[in-house]
């Protein structure tokens, strides 16, 4: 029944998206080109509504049982309302943030979906205590915005979200967590149906309606699936979402370094950097898909590996991430501490020889 519902959500999304496209033009939910945008013509941007409607129908067909269902759906309704209003009226950042906080509050405080402790790598336990609530809310709001930030190219956010959903759902199935697996797979089906219209050249954008909804649901599913476990299992959802999280992290560093507000838009995100290096629109999206799949594979390996192997893999992954960021100028063209360090060592060795 689960896989039949996944297929149903896919078909519904394929059917709904053209109607949502017409609705977007009718109510003015469109995206106009500017110096920061990659597209060159007016585009409808309410596509996330098709994903949401397909998901809701799939949910009520499948009816996965969990005591948190009502609160998760209530939070998603708030997120969708904020997204639709933003796609039509372009809400101020503060209003969107308040909507995200409200949705996160419902799940974390009212439903009690929280990370309360983690088992440390080499023994002992770290109790979060009163910090459980703010940490869990920060996770939901942070991931919600991280997915929104990478929504800059045709099919990018939908594809990266789909890869994350495949990983989360697959790991949930392996653990016997049917609620997380069920939600993950029906969202996956809904997103893949929309991706048919959203992949380059896109006929419709998901807009904030889609990006915020996917970010919210992925953050909640990862909280449900990986809470109160070992340190490595705590790291697993971070790795699954490695691309949006690292892009957001370097964006924060970049804006702090340039003394800009954290909410200031720019054209220095991962996809912008790859485009500047000469990759085509489609090539850039496929490269980031590949990176997301690699992160997902590493997350699966880490969940099965011995502790010392996991720690080595983590260090290597962080080093590679930093080198990529320096090489493509993700923070700044002159930000290259490790590359400069290697250059100094090479120069010293050459001089010595």
C-alpha atoms as a PDB file:
ATOM      1  CA  UNK A   1       0.000   0.000   0.000  1.00  0.00           C
ATOM      2  CA  UNK A   2       2.886   2.377   0.782  1.00  0.00           C
ATOM      3  CA  UNK A   3       4.398   2.135  -2.699  1.00  0.00           C
ATOM      4  CA  UNK A   4       0.985   2.373  -4.358  1.00  0.00           C
ATOM      5  CA  UNK A   5       0.416   5.623  -2.424  1.00  0.00           C
ATOM      6  CA  UNK A   6       3.854   6.891  -3.493  1.00  0.00           C
ATOM      7  CA  UNK A   7       2.840   6.287  -7.115  1.00  0.00           C
ATOM      8  CA  UNK A   8      -0.543   7.953  -6.484  1.00  0.00           C
ATOM      9  CA  UNK A   9       1.192  11.066  -5.097  1.00  0.00           C
ATOM     10  CA  UNK A  10       3.476  11.152  -8.132  1.00  0.00           C
ATOM     11  CA  UNK A  11       0.520  10.959 -10.562  1.00  0.00           C
ATOM     12  CA  UNK A  12      -1.497  13.544  -8.615  1.00  0.00           C
ATOM     13  CA  UNK A  13       1.450  15.958  -8.610  1.00  0.00           C
ATOM     14  CA  UNK A  14       1.820  15.525 -12.388  1.00  0.00           C
ATOM     15  CA  UNK A  15      -1.913  16.286 -12.795  1.00  0.00           C
ATOM     16  CA  UNK A  16      -2.080  19.189 -10.306  1.00  0.00           C
ATOM     17  CA  UNK A  17       1.006  21.154 -11.399  1.00  0.00           C
ATOM     18  CA  UNK A  18      -0.416  22.538 -14.713  1.00  0.00           C
ATOM     19  CA  UNK A  19      -3.521  23.760 -12.835  1.00  0.00           C
ATOM     20  CA  UNK A  20      -1.354  25.379 -10.152  1.00  0.00           C
ATOM     21  CA  UNK A  21       0.646  27.047 -12.934  1.00  0.00           C
ATOM     22  CA  UNK A  22      -2.541  28.655 -14.302  1.00  0.00           C
ATOM     23  CA  UNK A  23      -3.566  29.687 -10.782  1.00  0.00           C
ATOM     24  CA  UNK A  24      -0.160  31.305 -10.186  1.00  0.00           C
ATOM     25  CA  UNK A  25      -0.522  33.509 -13.256  1.00  0.00           C
ATOM     26  CA  UNK A  26      -4.135  34.333 -12.315  1.00  0.00           C
ATOM     27  CA  UNK A  27      -3.301  35.562  -8.788  1.00  0.00           C
ATOM     28  CA  UNK A  28       0.048  37.168  -9.617  1.00  0.00           C
ATOM     29  CA  UNK A  29       2.309  34.585  -7.949  1.00  0.00           C
ATOM     30  CA  UNK A  30       5.092  35.158 -10.458  1.00  0.00           C
ATOM     31  CA  UNK A  31       8.843  35.639 -10.359  1.00  0.00           C
ATOM     32  CA  UNK A  32      10.244  38.503 -12.430  1.00  0.00           C
ATOM     33  CA  UNK A  33      13.850  38.491 -13.701  1.00  0.00           C
ATOM     34  CA  UNK A  34      16.415  40.763 -12.021  1.00  0.00           C
ATOM     35  CA  UNK A  35      20.201  40.985 -11.652  1.00  0.00           C
ATOM     36  CA  UNK A  36      20.163  38.329  -8.915  1.00  0.00           C
ATOM     37  CA  UNK A  37      17.978  35.814 -10.768  1.00  0.00           C
ATOM     38  CA  UNK A  38      19.176  33.285 -13.344  1.00  0.00           C
ATOM     39  CA  UNK A  39      15.942  33.073 -15.373  1.00  0.00           C
ATOM     40  CA  UNK A  40      15.188  35.583 -18.140  1.00  0.00           C
ATOM     41  CA  UNK A  41      11.366  35.631 -18.256  1.00  0.00           C
ATOM     42  CA  UNK A  42       8.394  35.906 -15.903  1.00  0.00           C
ATOM     43  CA  UNK A  43       7.806  32.532 -14.249  1.00  0.00           C
ATOM     44  CA  UNK A  44       4.928  31.155 -12.131  1.00  0.00           C
ATOM     45  CA  UNK A  45       6.195  30.299  -8.638  1.00  0.00           C
ATOM     46  CA  UNK A  46       3.437  28.559  -6.702  1.00  0.00           C
ATOM     47  CA  UNK A  47       4.479  25.013  -7.634  1.00  0.00           C
ATOM     48  CA  UNK A  48       4.883  23.888  -4.033  1.00  0.00           C
ATOM     49  CA  UNK A  49       1.096  23.943  -3.741  1.00  0.00           C
ATOM     50  CA  UNK A  50       0.900  20.966  -6.131  1.00  0.00           C
ATOM     51  CA  UNK A  51       3.445  19.099  -3.974  1.00  0.00           C
ATOM     52  CA  UNK A  52       1.465  19.878  -0.814  1.00  0.00           C
ATOM     53  CA  UNK A  53      -1.955  18.916  -2.226  1.00  0.00           C
ATOM     54  CA  UNK A  54      -0.564  15.608  -3.545  1.00  0.00           C
ATOM     55  CA  UNK A  55       1.073  14.934  -0.184  1.00  0.00           C
ATOM     56  CA  UNK A  56      -2.112  15.666   1.810  1.00  0.00           C
ATOM     57  CA  UNK A  57      -4.221  13.353  -0.353  1.00  0.00           C
ATOM     58  CA  UNK A  58      -1.546  10.655  -0.072  1.00  0.00           C
ATOM     59  CA  UNK A  59      -1.461  11.113   3.697  1.00  0.00           C
ATOM     60  CA  UNK A  60      -5.208  10.624   4.107  1.00  0.00           C
ATOM     61  CA  UNK A  61      -5.167   7.614   1.768  1.00  0.00           C
ATOM     62  CA  UNK A  62      -2.326   5.948   3.693  1.00  0.00           C
ATOM     63  CA  UNK A  63      -3.136   7.329   7.183  1.00  0.00           C
ATOM     64  CA  UNK A  64       0.216   6.506   8.828  1.00  0.00           C
ATOM     65  CA  UNK A  65      -0.317   6.313  12.593  1.00  0.00           C
ATOM     66  CA  UNK A  66       1.640   8.508  15.009  1.00  0.00           C
ATOM     67  CA  UNK A  67       0.680  10.623  18.020  1.00  0.00           C
ATOM     68  CA  UNK A  68       2.448  13.621  16.439  1.00  0.00           C
ATOM     69  CA  UNK A  69       0.564  13.534  13.114  1.00  0.00           C
ATOM     70  CA  UNK A  70      -1.910  16.312  13.907  1.00  0.00           C
ATOM     71  CA  UNK A  71       0.806  18.726  15.083  1.00  0.00           C
ATOM     72  CA  UNK A  72       3.064  18.000  12.098  1.00  0.00           C
ATOM     73  CA  UNK A  73       0.198  18.631   9.666  1.00  0.00           C
ATOM     74  CA  UNK A  74      -0.837  21.795  11.538  1.00  0.00           C
ATOM     75  CA  UNK A  75       2.737  23.097  11.304  1.00  0.00           C
ATOM     76  CA  UNK A  76       2.835  22.254   7.591  1.00  0.00           C
ATOM     77  CA  UNK A  77      -0.412  24.179   7.051  1.00  0.00           C
ATOM     78  CA  UNK A  78       1.149  27.290   8.636  1.00  0.00           C
ATOM     79  CA  UNK A  79       4.243  26.875   6.464  1.00  0.00           C
ATOM     80  CA  UNK A  80       2.131  26.518   3.319  1.00  0.00           C
ATOM     81  CA  UNK A  81       0.068  29.608   4.230  1.00  0.00           C
ATOM     82  CA  UNK A  82       3.263  31.649   4.718  1.00  0.00           C
ATOM     83  CA  UNK A  83       4.702  30.297   1.456  1.00  0.00           C
ATOM     84  CA  UNK A  84       1.598  31.062  -0.623  1.00  0.00           C
ATOM     85  CA  UNK A  85       1.348  34.602   0.797  1.00  0.00           C
ATOM     86  CA  UNK A  86       5.032  35.173   0.099  1.00  0.00           C
ATOM     87  CA  UNK A  87       4.755  33.875  -3.470  1.00  0.00           C
ATOM     88  CA  UNK A  88       1.872  36.282  -4.103  1.00  0.00           C
ATOM     89  CA  UNK A  89       2.808  39.336  -2.009  1.00  0.00           C
ATOM     90  CA  UNK A  90       6.538  38.877  -1.167  1.00  0.00           C
ATOM     91  CA  UNK A  91       6.301  39.018   2.629  1.00  0.00           C
ATOM     92  CA  UNK A  92       9.008  40.718   4.741  1.00  0.00           C
ATOM     93  CA  UNK A  93      11.700  38.332   6.022  1.00  0.00           C
ATOM     94  CA  UNK A  94      10.563  38.885   9.640  1.00  0.00           C
ATOM     95  CA  UNK A  95       7.008  37.745   8.874  1.00  0.00           C
ATOM     96  CA  UNK A  96       8.263  34.572   7.161  1.00  0.00           C
ATOM     97  CA  UNK A  97      10.573  33.896  10.094  1.00  0.00           C
ATOM     98  CA  UNK A  98       7.695  34.253  12.575  1.00  0.00           C
ATOM     99  CA  UNK A  99       5.638  31.767  10.553  1.00  0.00           C
ATOM    100  CA  UNK A 100       8.519  29.278  10.595  1.00  0.00           C
ATOM    101  CA  UNK A 101       8.946  29.766  14.349  1.00  0.00           C
ATOM    102  CA  UNK A 102       5.225  29.138  14.899  1.00  0.00           C
ATOM    103  CA  UNK A 103       5.352  25.884  12.898  1.00  0.00           C
ATOM    104  CA  UNK A 104       8.509  24.755  14.715  1.00  0.00           C
ATOM    105  CA  UNK A 105       6.979  25.656  18.113  1.00  0.00           C
ATOM    106  CA  UNK A 106       3.935  23.468  17.417  1.00  0.00           C
ATOM    107  CA  UNK A 107       6.084  20.433  16.573  1.00  0.00           C
ATOM    108  CA  UNK A 108       8.756  20.912  19.244  1.00  0.00           C
ATOM    109  CA  UNK A 109       6.756  22.239  22.209  1.00  0.00           C
ATOM    110  CA  UNK A 110       3.206  20.970  21.670  1.00  0.00           C
ATOM    111  CA  UNK A 111       4.110  17.617  20.078  1.00  0.00           C
ATOM    112  CA  UNK A 112       7.331  17.208  22.057  1.00  0.00           C
ATOM    113  CA  UNK A 113       9.489  16.241  19.054  1.00  0.00           C
ATOM    114  CA  UNK A 114      12.895  17.175  20.480  1.00  0.00           C
ATOM    115  CA  UNK A 115      16.514  16.085  20.682  1.00  0.00           C
ATOM    116  CA  UNK A 116      17.013  15.724  24.440  1.00  0.00           C
ATOM    117  CA  UNK A 117      20.416  14.011  24.591  1.00  0.00           C
ATOM    118  CA  UNK A 118      23.148  12.299  22.565  1.00  0.00           C
ATOM    119  CA  UNK A 119      25.524   9.514  23.509  1.00  0.00           C
ATOM    120  CA  UNK A 120      29.080  10.823  23.091  1.00  0.00           C
ATOM    121  CA  UNK A 121      31.576   9.003  20.803  1.00  0.00           C
ATOM    122  CA  UNK A 122      33.901   7.713  23.524  1.00  0.00           C
ATOM    123  CA  UNK A 123      31.481   7.150  26.396  1.00  0.00           C
ATOM    124  CA  UNK A 124      29.132   9.294  28.437  1.00  0.00           C
ATOM    125  CA  UNK A 125      26.014  11.186  27.548  1.00  0.00           C
ATOM    126  CA  UNK A 126      25.350  14.824  26.739  1.00  0.00           C
ATOM    127  CA  UNK A 127      22.003  15.977  28.152  1.00  0.00           C
ATOM    128  CA  UNK A 128      20.615  19.101  26.485  1.00  0.00           C
ATOM    129  CA  UNK A 129      18.172  19.849  29.315  1.00  0.00           C
ATOM    130  CA  UNK A 130      16.415  23.202  28.850  1.00  0.00           C
ATOM    131  CA  UNK A 131      18.355  23.670  25.588  1.00  0.00           C
ATOM    132  CA  UNK A 132      16.432  20.802  23.952  1.00  0.00           C
ATOM    133  CA  UNK A 133      13.619  23.110  22.850  1.00  0.00           C
ATOM    134  CA  UNK A 134      15.740  25.934  21.335  1.00  0.00           C
ATOM    135  CA  UNK A 135      18.115  23.433  19.643  1.00  0.00           C
ATOM    136  CA  UNK A 136      15.192  21.527  18.085  1.00  0.00           C
ATOM    137  CA  UNK A 137      13.451  24.743  16.959  1.00  0.00           C
ATOM    138  CA  UNK A 138      16.744  26.033  15.520  1.00  0.00           C
ATOM    139  CA  UNK A 139      17.130  22.774  13.565  1.00  0.00           C
ATOM    140  CA  UNK A 140      13.659  23.048  11.994  1.00  0.00           C
ATOM    141  CA  UNK A 141      13.956  26.748  11.146  1.00  0.00           C
ATOM    142  CA  UNK A 142      17.547  26.313   9.946  1.00  0.00           C
ATOM    143  CA  UNK A 143      16.826  23.413   7.576  1.00  0.00           C
ATOM    144  CA  UNK A 144      13.641  25.100   6.328  1.00  0.00           C
ATOM    145  CA  UNK A 145      15.701  28.127   5.299  1.00  0.00           C
ATOM    146  CA  UNK A 146      18.603  26.032   3.989  1.00  0.00           C
ATOM    147  CA  UNK A 147      16.346  24.342   1.416  1.00  0.00           C
ATOM    148  CA  UNK A 148      14.925  27.761   0.532  1.00  0.00           C
ATOM    149  CA  UNK A 149      18.434  29.166  -0.013  1.00  0.00           C
ATOM    150  CA  UNK A 150      19.442  26.526  -2.564  1.00  0.00           C
ATOM    151  CA  UNK A 151      16.250  27.046  -4.580  1.00  0.00           C
ATOM    152  CA  UNK A 152      18.100  29.103  -7.177  1.00  0.00           C
ATOM    153  CA  UNK A 153      18.172  26.906 -10.291  1.00  0.00           C
ATOM    154  CA  UNK A 154      15.605  24.836 -12.164  1.00  0.00           C
ATOM    155  CA  UNK A 155      15.033  21.546 -10.358  1.00  0.00           C
ATOM    156  CA  UNK A 156      17.743  22.144  -7.749  1.00  0.00           C
ATOM    157  CA  UNK A 157      15.753  22.263  -4.488  1.00  0.00           C
ATOM    158  CA  UNK A 158      13.305  19.579  -5.680  1.00  0.00           C
ATOM    159  CA  UNK A 159      16.131  17.221  -6.690  1.00  0.00           C
ATOM    160  CA  UNK A 160      18.256  17.757  -3.582  1.00  0.00           C
ATOM    161  CA  UNK A 161      15.166  17.330  -1.386  1.00  0.00           C
ATOM    162  CA  UNK A 162      14.249  14.122  -3.232  1.00  0.00           C
ATOM    163  CA  UNK A 163      17.723  12.664  -2.636  1.00  0.00           C
ATOM    164  CA  UNK A 164      17.482  13.581   1.075  1.00  0.00           C
ATOM    165  CA  UNK A 165      13.996  12.024   1.272  1.00  0.00           C
ATOM    166  CA  UNK A 166      15.213   8.794  -0.365  1.00  0.00           C
ATOM    167  CA  UNK A 167      18.025   8.543   2.205  1.00  0.00           C
ATOM    168  CA  UNK A 168      15.838   9.375   5.218  1.00  0.00           C
ATOM    169  CA  UNK A 169      13.048   7.025   4.094  1.00  0.00           C
ATOM    170  CA  UNK A 170      15.476   4.198   3.290  1.00  0.00           C
ATOM    171  CA  UNK A 171      17.154   4.456   6.696  1.00  0.00           C
ATOM    172  CA  UNK A 172      13.755   4.661   8.412  1.00  0.00           C
ATOM    173  CA  UNK A 173      12.614   1.486   6.610  1.00  0.00           C
ATOM    174  CA  UNK A 174      15.785  -0.310   7.710  1.00  0.00           C
ATOM    175  CA  UNK A 175      15.007   0.664  11.327  1.00  0.00           C
ATOM    176  CA  UNK A 176      11.349  -0.336  11.026  1.00  0.00           C
ATOM    177  CA  UNK A 177      10.135   3.267  11.490  1.00  0.00           C
ATOM    178  CA  UNK A 178       7.122   3.097   9.174  1.00  0.00           C
ATOM    179  CA  UNK A 179       5.743   6.538  10.070  1.00  0.00           C
ATOM    180  CA  UNK A 180       8.872   8.427   8.997  1.00  0.00           C
ATOM    181  CA  UNK A 181       9.303   6.140   5.958  1.00  0.00           C
ATOM    182  CA  UNK A 182       5.650   6.625   4.930  1.00  0.00           C
ATOM    183  CA  UNK A 183       5.719  10.421   5.188  1.00  0.00           C
ATOM    184  CA  UNK A 184       9.102  10.576   3.461  1.00  0.00           C
ATOM    185  CA  UNK A 185       7.992   8.430   0.525  1.00  0.00           C
ATOM    186  CA  UNK A 186       4.681  10.209  -0.138  1.00  0.00           C
ATOM    187  CA  UNK A 187       6.493  13.567  -0.081  1.00  0.00           C
ATOM    188  CA  UNK A 188       9.082  12.020  -2.429  1.00  0.00           C
ATOM    189  CA  UNK A 189       6.384  10.915  -4.883  1.00  0.00           C
ATOM    190  CA  UNK A 190       4.769  14.379  -4.788  1.00  0.00           C
ATOM    191  CA  UNK A 191       8.130  16.109  -5.339  1.00  0.00           C
ATOM    192  CA  UNK A 192       9.211  13.865  -8.231  1.00  0.00           C
ATOM    193  CA  UNK A 193       5.894  14.501 -10.012  1.00  0.00           C
ATOM    194  CA  UNK A 194       6.502  18.240  -9.730  1.00  0.00           C
ATOM    195  CA  UNK A 195      10.144  17.839 -10.839  1.00  0.00           C
ATOM    196  CA  UNK A 196       8.946  16.800 -14.310  1.00  0.00           C
ATOM    197  CA  UNK A 197       7.829  20.421 -14.823  1.00  0.00           C
ATOM    198  CA  UNK A 198      10.592  21.989 -12.738  1.00  0.00           C
ATOM    199  CA  UNK A 199      13.739  20.452 -14.237  1.00  0.00           C
ATOM    200  CA  UNK A 200      15.661  22.679 -16.682  1.00  0.00           C
ATOM    201  CA  UNK A 201      14.153  24.363 -18.615  1.00  0.00           C
ATOM    202  CA  UNK A 202      11.535  24.843 -15.905  1.00  0.00           C
ATOM    203  CA  UNK A 203       7.893  25.555 -16.718  1.00  0.00           C
ATOM    204  CA  UNK A 204       7.116  26.492 -13.099  1.00  0.00           C
ATOM    205  CA  UNK A 205       9.039  27.249  -9.866  1.00  0.00           C
ATOM    206  CA  UNK A 206       8.147  25.702  -6.506  1.00  0.00           C
ATOM    207  CA  UNK A 207       8.461  29.147  -4.874  1.00  0.00           C
ATOM    208  CA  UNK A 208       8.594  29.604  -1.114  1.00  0.00           C
ATOM    209  CA  UNK A 209       5.445  27.460  -0.908  1.00  0.00           C
ATOM    210  CA  UNK A 210       7.467  24.440  -1.986  1.00  0.00           C
ATOM    211  CA  UNK A 211      10.914  25.243  -0.584  1.00  0.00           C
ATOM    212  CA  UNK A 212       9.628  26.070   2.908  1.00  0.00           C
ATOM    213  CA  UNK A 213       7.304  23.045   2.956  1.00  0.00           C
ATOM    214  CA  UNK A 214      10.041  20.618   1.869  1.00  0.00           C
ATOM    215  CA  UNK A 215      12.539  22.137   4.298  1.00  0.00           C
ATOM    216  CA  UNK A 216      10.055  21.945   7.157  1.00  0.00           C
ATOM    217  CA  UNK A 217       9.019  18.347   6.472  1.00  0.00           C
ATOM    218  CA  UNK A 218      12.590  17.104   5.948  1.00  0.00           C
ATOM    219  CA  UNK A 219      13.731  18.770   9.181  1.00  0.00           C
ATOM    220  CA  UNK A 220      10.833  17.240  11.152  1.00  0.00           C
ATOM    221  CA  UNK A 221      11.332  13.769   9.630  1.00  0.00           C
ATOM    222  CA  UNK A 222      15.043  13.829  10.449  1.00  0.00           C
ATOM    223  CA  UNK A 223      14.234  14.888  14.038  1.00  0.00           C
ATOM    224  CA  UNK A 224      11.751  12.029  14.365  1.00  0.00           C
ATOM    225  CA  UNK A 225      14.050   9.485  12.799  1.00  0.00           C
ATOM    226  CA  UNK A 226      17.378  10.299  14.449  1.00  0.00           C
ATOM    227  CA  UNK A 227      16.659  11.802  17.888  1.00  0.00           C
ATOM    228  CA  UNK A 228      18.076  10.582  21.205  1.00  0.00           C
ATOM    229  CA  UNK A 229      20.736   8.359  19.707  1.00  0.00           C
ATOM    230  CA  UNK A 230      24.500   8.133  19.290  1.00  0.00           C
ATOM    231  CA  UNK A 231      26.730  11.001  18.265  1.00  0.00           C
ATOM    232  CA  UNK A 232      27.145   9.538  14.777  1.00  0.00           C
ATOM    233  CA  UNK A 233      23.395   9.101  14.345  1.00  0.00           C
ATOM    234  CA  UNK A 234      23.070  12.740  15.396  1.00  0.00           C
ATOM    235  CA  UNK A 235      25.478  13.634  12.572  1.00  0.00           C
ATOM    236  CA  UNK A 236      23.639  11.482   9.991  1.00  0.00           C
ATOM    237  CA  UNK A 237      20.813  13.989   9.207  1.00  0.00           C
ATOM    238  CA  UNK A 238      23.411  16.761   8.997  1.00  0.00           C
ATOM    239  CA  UNK A 239      25.265  14.739   6.357  1.00  0.00           C
ATOM    240  CA  UNK A 240      22.072  13.809   4.489  1.00  0.00           C
ATOM    241  CA  UNK A 241      21.427  17.556   4.160  1.00  0.00           C
ATOM    242  CA  UNK A 242      25.117  18.306   3.599  1.00  0.00           C
ATOM    243  CA  UNK A 243      24.659  20.447   0.470  1.00  0.00           C
ATOM    244  CA  UNK A 244      22.022  22.920   1.785  1.00  0.00           C
ATOM    245  CA  UNK A 245      23.613  23.032   5.259  1.00  0.00           C
ATOM    246  CA  UNK A 246      27.157  23.690   3.973  1.00  0.00           C
ATOM    247  CA  UNK A 247      25.886  26.258   1.457  1.00  0.00           C
ATOM    248  CA  UNK A 248      24.031  28.052   4.265  1.00  0.00           C
ATOM    249  CA  UNK A 249      27.063  27.824   6.584  1.00  0.00           C
ATOM    250  CA  UNK A 250      29.413  29.381   4.026  1.00  0.00           C
ATOM    251  CA  UNK A 251      26.787  32.026   3.181  1.00  0.00           C
ATOM    252  CA  UNK A 252      26.726  33.044   6.859  1.00  0.00           C
ATOM    253  CA  UNK A 253      30.562  33.181   6.972  1.00  0.00           C
ATOM    254  CA  UNK A 254      30.581  35.181   3.733  1.00  0.00           C
ATOM    255  CA  UNK A 255      28.093  37.748   5.017  1.00  0.00           C
ATOM    256  CA  UNK A 256      29.815  38.102   8.382  1.00  0.00           C
ATOM    257  CA  UNK A 257      33.161  38.615   6.610  1.00  0.00           C
ATOM    258  CA  UNK A 258      31.614  41.267   4.352  1.00  0.00           C
ATOM    259  CA  UNK A 259      29.691  42.820   7.275  1.00  0.00           C
ATOM    260  CA  UNK A 260      26.340  42.247   5.564  1.00  0.00           C
ATOM    261  CA  UNK A 261      23.027  41.276   7.211  1.00  0.00           C
ATOM    262  CA  UNK A 262      22.568  37.485   7.375  1.00  0.00           C
ATOM    263  CA  UNK A 263      19.376  37.808   5.321  1.00  0.00           C
ATOM    264  CA  UNK A 264      21.116  39.833   2.557  1.00  0.00           C
ATOM    265  CA  UNK A 265      20.727  38.115  -0.853  1.00  0.00           C
ATOM    266  CA  UNK A 266      23.780  37.585  -3.059  1.00  0.00           C
ATOM    267  CA  UNK A 267      25.025  35.633  -6.080  1.00  0.00           C
ATOM    268  CA  UNK A 268      27.745  33.627  -4.345  1.00  0.00           C
ATOM    269  CA  UNK A 269      25.885  30.439  -3.423  1.00  0.00           C
ATOM    270  CA  UNK A 270      27.197  27.061  -4.551  1.00  0.00           C
ATOM    271  CA  UNK A 271      25.178  27.039  -7.773  1.00  0.00           C
ATOM    272  CA  UNK A 272      26.269  30.617  -8.631  1.00  0.00           C
ATOM    273  CA  UNK A 273      29.946  29.663  -8.141  1.00  0.00           C
ATOM    274  CA  UNK A 274      29.610  26.606 -10.384  1.00  0.00           C
ATOM    275  CA  UNK A 275      27.897  28.681 -13.078  1.00  0.00           C
ATOM    276  CA  UNK A 276      30.760  31.203 -12.926  1.00  0.00           C
ATOM    277  CA  UNK A 277      33.237  28.366 -13.440  1.00  0.00           C
ATOM    278  CA  UNK A 278      31.612  27.761 -16.826  1.00  0.00           C
ATOM    279  CA  UNK A 279      29.248  24.878 -16.117  1.00  0.00           C
ATOM    280  CA  UNK A 280      25.859  25.019 -17.832  1.00  0.00           C
ATOM    281  CA  UNK A 281      22.606  25.347 -15.926  1.00  0.00           C
ATOM    282  CA  UNK A 282      21.857  21.638 -16.283  1.00  0.00           C
ATOM    283  CA  UNK A 283      25.444  20.551 -15.539  1.00  0.00           C
ATOM    284  CA  UNK A 284      25.469  22.636 -12.345  1.00  0.00           C
ATOM    285  CA  UNK A 285      22.232  21.044 -11.126  1.00  0.00           C
ATOM    286  CA  UNK A 286      23.504  17.523 -11.920  1.00  0.00           C
ATOM    287  CA  UNK A 287      26.823  18.197 -10.133  1.00  0.00           C
ATOM    288  CA  UNK A 288      24.923  19.280  -6.999  1.00  0.00           C
ATOM    289  CA  UNK A 289      22.656  16.216  -7.313  1.00  0.00           C
ATOM    290  CA  UNK A 290      25.844  14.125  -7.359  1.00  0.00           C
ATOM    291  CA  UNK A 291      27.160  15.901  -4.269  1.00  0.00           C
ATOM    292  CA  UNK A 292      23.844  15.337  -2.469  1.00  0.00           C
ATOM    293  CA  UNK A 293      23.862  11.637  -3.386  1.00  0.00           C
ATOM    294  CA  UNK A 294      27.458  11.355  -2.129  1.00  0.00           C
ATOM    295  CA  UNK A 295      26.459  12.935   1.186  1.00  0.00           C
ATOM    296  CA  UNK A 296      23.542  10.527   1.455  1.00  0.00           C
ATOM    297  CA  UNK A 297      25.810   7.534   0.771  1.00  0.00           C
ATOM    298  CA  UNK A 298      28.347   8.736   3.357  1.00  0.00           C
ATOM    299  CA  UNK A 299      25.523   9.123   5.898  1.00  0.00           C
ATOM    300  CA  UNK A 300      24.453   5.510   5.309  1.00  0.00           C
ATOM    301  CA  UNK A 301      28.068   4.280   5.627  1.00  0.00           C
ATOM    302  CA  UNK A 302      28.559   6.259   8.846  1.00  0.00           C
ATOM    303  CA  UNK A 303      25.442   4.749  10.377  1.00  0.00           C
ATOM    304  CA  UNK A 304      26.938   1.263   9.884  1.00  0.00           C
ATOM    305  CA  UNK A 305      30.671   1.905  10.463  1.00  0.00           C
ATOM    306  CA  UNK A 306      32.758   1.517  13.609  1.00  0.00           C
ATOM    307  CA  UNK A 307      33.260   4.686  15.674  1.00  0.00           C
ATOM    308  CA  UNK A 308      36.905   5.279  14.720  1.00  0.00           C
ATOM    309  CA  UNK A 309      36.130   4.764  11.012  1.00  0.00           C
ATOM    310  CA  UNK A 310      33.222   7.210  11.280  1.00  0.00           C
ATOM    311  CA  UNK A 311      35.420   9.872  12.896  1.00  0.00           C
ATOM    312  CA  UNK A 312      38.068   9.523  10.158  1.00  0.00           C
ATOM    313  CA  UNK A 313      35.398   9.777   7.438  1.00  0.00           C
ATOM    314  CA  UNK A 314      33.944  12.891   9.104  1.00  0.00           C
ATOM    315  CA  UNK A 315      37.345  14.629   9.220  1.00  0.00           C
ATOM    316  CA  UNK A 316      38.006  13.773   5.551  1.00  0.00           C
ATOM    317  CA  UNK A 317      34.537  15.013   4.494  1.00  0.00           C
ATOM    318  CA  UNK A 318      35.027  18.332   6.347  1.00  0.00           C
ATOM    319  CA  UNK A 319      38.471  18.805   4.756  1.00  0.00           C
ATOM    320  CA  UNK A 320      37.110  18.108   1.258  1.00  0.00           C
ATOM    321  CA  UNK A 321      34.212  20.525   1.861  1.00  0.00           C
ATOM    322  CA  UNK A 322      36.607  23.274   2.915  1.00  0.00           C
ATOM    323  CA  UNK A 323      38.849  22.673  -0.116  1.00  0.00           C
ATOM    324  CA  UNK A 324      35.860  22.806  -2.487  1.00  0.00           C
ATOM    325  CA  UNK A 325      34.658  26.040  -0.858  1.00  0.00           C
ATOM    326  CA  UNK A 326      38.108  27.605  -1.271  1.00  0.00           C
ATOM    327  CA  UNK A 327      38.569  26.351  -4.830  1.00  0.00           C
ATOM    328  CA  UNK A 328      35.274  27.706  -6.163  1.00  0.00           C
ATOM    329  CA  UNK A 329      35.273  30.901  -4.041  1.00  0.00           C
ATOM    330  CA  UNK A 330      32.224  30.067  -1.931  1.00  0.00           C
ATOM    331  CA  UNK A 331      33.260  32.537   0.788  1.00  0.00           C
ATOM    332  CA  UNK A 332      35.444  34.911  -1.215  1.00  0.00           C
ATOM    333  CA  UNK A 333      37.915  34.680  -4.102  1.00  0.00           C
ATOM    334  CA  UNK A 334      40.764  35.470  -1.690  1.00  0.00           C
ATOM    335  CA  UNK A 335      39.604  33.099   1.060  1.00  0.00           C
ATOM    336  CA  UNK A 336      41.993  30.144   0.641  1.00  0.00           C
ATOM    337  CA  UNK A 337      43.694  29.365   3.987  1.00  0.00           C
ATOM    338  CA  UNK A 338      44.270  25.638   3.413  1.00  0.00           C
ATOM    339  CA  UNK A 339      45.207  26.014  -0.258  1.00  0.00           C
ATOM    340  CA  UNK A 340      47.672  28.772   0.676  1.00  0.00           C
ATOM    341  CA  UNK A 341      49.078  26.556   3.433  1.00  0.00           C
ATOM    342  CA  UNK A 342      49.671  23.728   0.938  1.00  0.00           C
ATOM    343  CA  UNK A 343      51.254  26.234  -1.467  1.00  0.00           C
ATOM    344  CA  UNK A 344      53.651  27.410   1.251  1.00  0.00           C
ATOM    345  CA  UNK A 345      54.619  23.805   2.051  1.00  0.00           C
ATOM    346  CA  UNK A 346      55.166  23.045  -1.655  1.00  0.00           C
ATOM    347  CA  UNK A 347      57.244  26.175  -2.045  1.00  0.00           C
ATOM    348  CA  UNK A 348      59.314  25.337   1.057  1.00  0.00           C
ATOM    349  CA  UNK A 349      59.902  21.762  -0.174  1.00  0.00           C
ATOM    350  CA  UNK A 350      60.885  23.022  -3.619  1.00  0.00           C
ATOM    351  CA  UNK A 351      63.300  25.538  -2.135  1.00  0.00           C
ATOM    352  CA  UNK A 352      64.745  22.887   0.181  1.00  0.00           C
ATOM    353  CA  UNK A 353      65.279  20.481  -2.725  1.00  0.00           C
END
